[in-house]
């Protein structure tokens, strides 16, 4: 498990860039860097009623879309 904050940040930025492109990564970082709002409350509202089965299904669907299988 990686615990170095610099390495985690670098890997996160690489993953965001890979998935969103450079512009999308920058837009995402601007959204979260503002530090406004209550992340915990927003997350709880966003995920209300979501089960592990829902998450597993969504991951399987995403994998199928990406691999075409």
C-alpha atoms as a PDB file:
ATOM      1  CA  UNK A   1       0.000   0.000   0.000  1.00  0.00           C
ATOM      2  CA  UNK A   2       1.333   3.425  -0.929  1.00  0.00           C
ATOM      3  CA  UNK A   3       1.387   5.866   1.981  1.00  0.00           C
ATOM      4  CA  UNK A   4       3.634   8.663   0.714  1.00  0.00           C
ATOM      5  CA  UNK A   5       1.371  11.721   0.196  1.00  0.00           C
ATOM      6  CA  UNK A   6       3.405  12.929  -2.787  1.00  0.00           C
ATOM      7  CA  UNK A   7       3.167   9.567  -4.535  1.00  0.00           C
ATOM      8  CA  UNK A   8      -0.548   9.318  -3.839  1.00  0.00           C
ATOM      9  CA  UNK A   9      -1.122  12.810  -5.241  1.00  0.00           C
ATOM     10  CA  UNK A  10       0.961  12.059  -8.355  1.00  0.00           C
ATOM     11  CA  UNK A  11      -0.880   8.793  -8.978  1.00  0.00           C
ATOM     12  CA  UNK A  12      -4.225  10.512  -8.446  1.00  0.00           C
ATOM     13  CA  UNK A  13      -3.413  13.237 -10.944  1.00  0.00           C
ATOM     14  CA  UNK A  14      -2.225  10.630 -13.442  1.00  0.00           C
ATOM     15  CA  UNK A  15      -5.468   8.656 -13.019  1.00  0.00           C
ATOM     16  CA  UNK A  16      -7.602  11.781 -13.403  1.00  0.00           C
ATOM     17  CA  UNK A  17      -5.672  12.818 -16.503  1.00  0.00           C
ATOM     18  CA  UNK A  18      -5.990   9.336 -18.006  1.00  0.00           C
ATOM     19  CA  UNK A  19      -9.760   9.185 -17.385  1.00  0.00           C
ATOM     20  CA  UNK A  20     -10.753  12.834 -17.922  1.00  0.00           C
ATOM     21  CA  UNK A  21      -8.000  14.272 -20.093  1.00  0.00           C
ATOM     22  CA  UNK A  22      -5.862  17.217 -19.045  1.00  0.00           C
ATOM     23  CA  UNK A  23      -8.669  19.774 -19.226  1.00  0.00           C
ATOM     24  CA  UNK A  24     -11.119  17.564 -17.344  1.00  0.00           C
ATOM     25  CA  UNK A  25      -8.529  16.875 -14.664  1.00  0.00           C
ATOM     26  CA  UNK A  26      -7.918  20.602 -14.193  1.00  0.00           C
ATOM     27  CA  UNK A  27     -11.648  21.316 -13.989  1.00  0.00           C
ATOM     28  CA  UNK A  28     -12.115  18.565 -11.415  1.00  0.00           C
ATOM     29  CA  UNK A  29      -9.251  19.813  -9.261  1.00  0.00           C
ATOM     30  CA  UNK A  30     -10.653  23.350  -9.350  1.00  0.00           C
ATOM     31  CA  UNK A  31     -14.007  22.047  -8.117  1.00  0.00           C
ATOM     32  CA  UNK A  32     -12.564  20.212  -5.146  1.00  0.00           C
ATOM     33  CA  UNK A  33      -9.816  22.687  -4.300  1.00  0.00           C
ATOM     34  CA  UNK A  34     -12.274  25.422  -3.303  1.00  0.00           C
ATOM     35  CA  UNK A  35     -12.903  23.745   0.046  1.00  0.00           C
ATOM     36  CA  UNK A  36     -16.497  24.905   0.236  1.00  0.00           C
ATOM     37  CA  UNK A  37     -19.466  22.937   1.473  1.00  0.00           C
ATOM     38  CA  UNK A  38     -19.756  19.900   3.673  1.00  0.00           C
ATOM     39  CA  UNK A  39     -18.248  16.935   1.844  1.00  0.00           C
ATOM     40  CA  UNK A  40     -19.553  14.385   4.325  1.00  0.00           C
ATOM     41  CA  UNK A  41     -23.123  15.639   4.131  1.00  0.00           C
ATOM     42  CA  UNK A  42     -22.991  15.891   0.320  1.00  0.00           C
ATOM     43  CA  UNK A  43     -21.530  12.386   0.017  1.00  0.00           C
ATOM     44  CA  UNK A  44     -24.162  10.952   2.356  1.00  0.00           C
ATOM     45  CA  UNK A  45     -26.929  12.597   0.307  1.00  0.00           C
ATOM     46  CA  UNK A  46     -25.401  11.428  -2.980  1.00  0.00           C
ATOM     47  CA  UNK A  47     -24.992   7.838  -1.821  1.00  0.00           C
ATOM     48  CA  UNK A  48     -28.198   7.552   0.228  1.00  0.00           C
ATOM     49  CA  UNK A  49     -29.686   4.125  -0.339  1.00  0.00           C
ATOM     50  CA  UNK A  50     -26.687   2.873  -2.333  1.00  0.00           C
ATOM     51  CA  UNK A  51     -25.711  -0.679  -1.437  1.00  0.00           C
ATOM     52  CA  UNK A  52     -22.521  -2.624  -2.056  1.00  0.00           C
ATOM     53  CA  UNK A  53     -24.490  -4.635  -4.609  1.00  0.00           C
ATOM     54  CA  UNK A  54     -25.282  -1.381  -6.455  1.00  0.00           C
ATOM     55  CA  UNK A  55     -21.606  -0.416  -6.486  1.00  0.00           C
ATOM     56  CA  UNK A  56     -20.524  -3.879  -7.665  1.00  0.00           C
ATOM     57  CA  UNK A  57     -23.123  -3.778 -10.461  1.00  0.00           C
ATOM     58  CA  UNK A  58     -21.961  -0.326 -11.572  1.00  0.00           C
ATOM     59  CA  UNK A  59     -18.335  -1.451 -11.588  1.00  0.00           C
ATOM     60  CA  UNK A  60     -19.205  -4.530 -13.633  1.00  0.00           C
ATOM     61  CA  UNK A  61     -21.145  -2.377 -16.112  1.00  0.00           C
ATOM     62  CA  UNK A  62     -18.231   0.042 -16.411  1.00  0.00           C
ATOM     63  CA  UNK A  63     -15.785  -2.815 -16.975  1.00  0.00           C
ATOM     64  CA  UNK A  64     -18.066  -4.242 -19.653  1.00  0.00           C
ATOM     65  CA  UNK A  65     -18.287  -0.844 -21.394  1.00  0.00           C
ATOM     66  CA  UNK A  66     -14.515  -0.400 -21.307  1.00  0.00           C
ATOM     67  CA  UNK A  67     -13.598  -3.902 -22.434  1.00  0.00           C
ATOM     68  CA  UNK A  68     -16.576  -4.603 -24.669  1.00  0.00           C
ATOM     69  CA  UNK A  69     -17.068  -8.031 -23.101  1.00  0.00           C
END
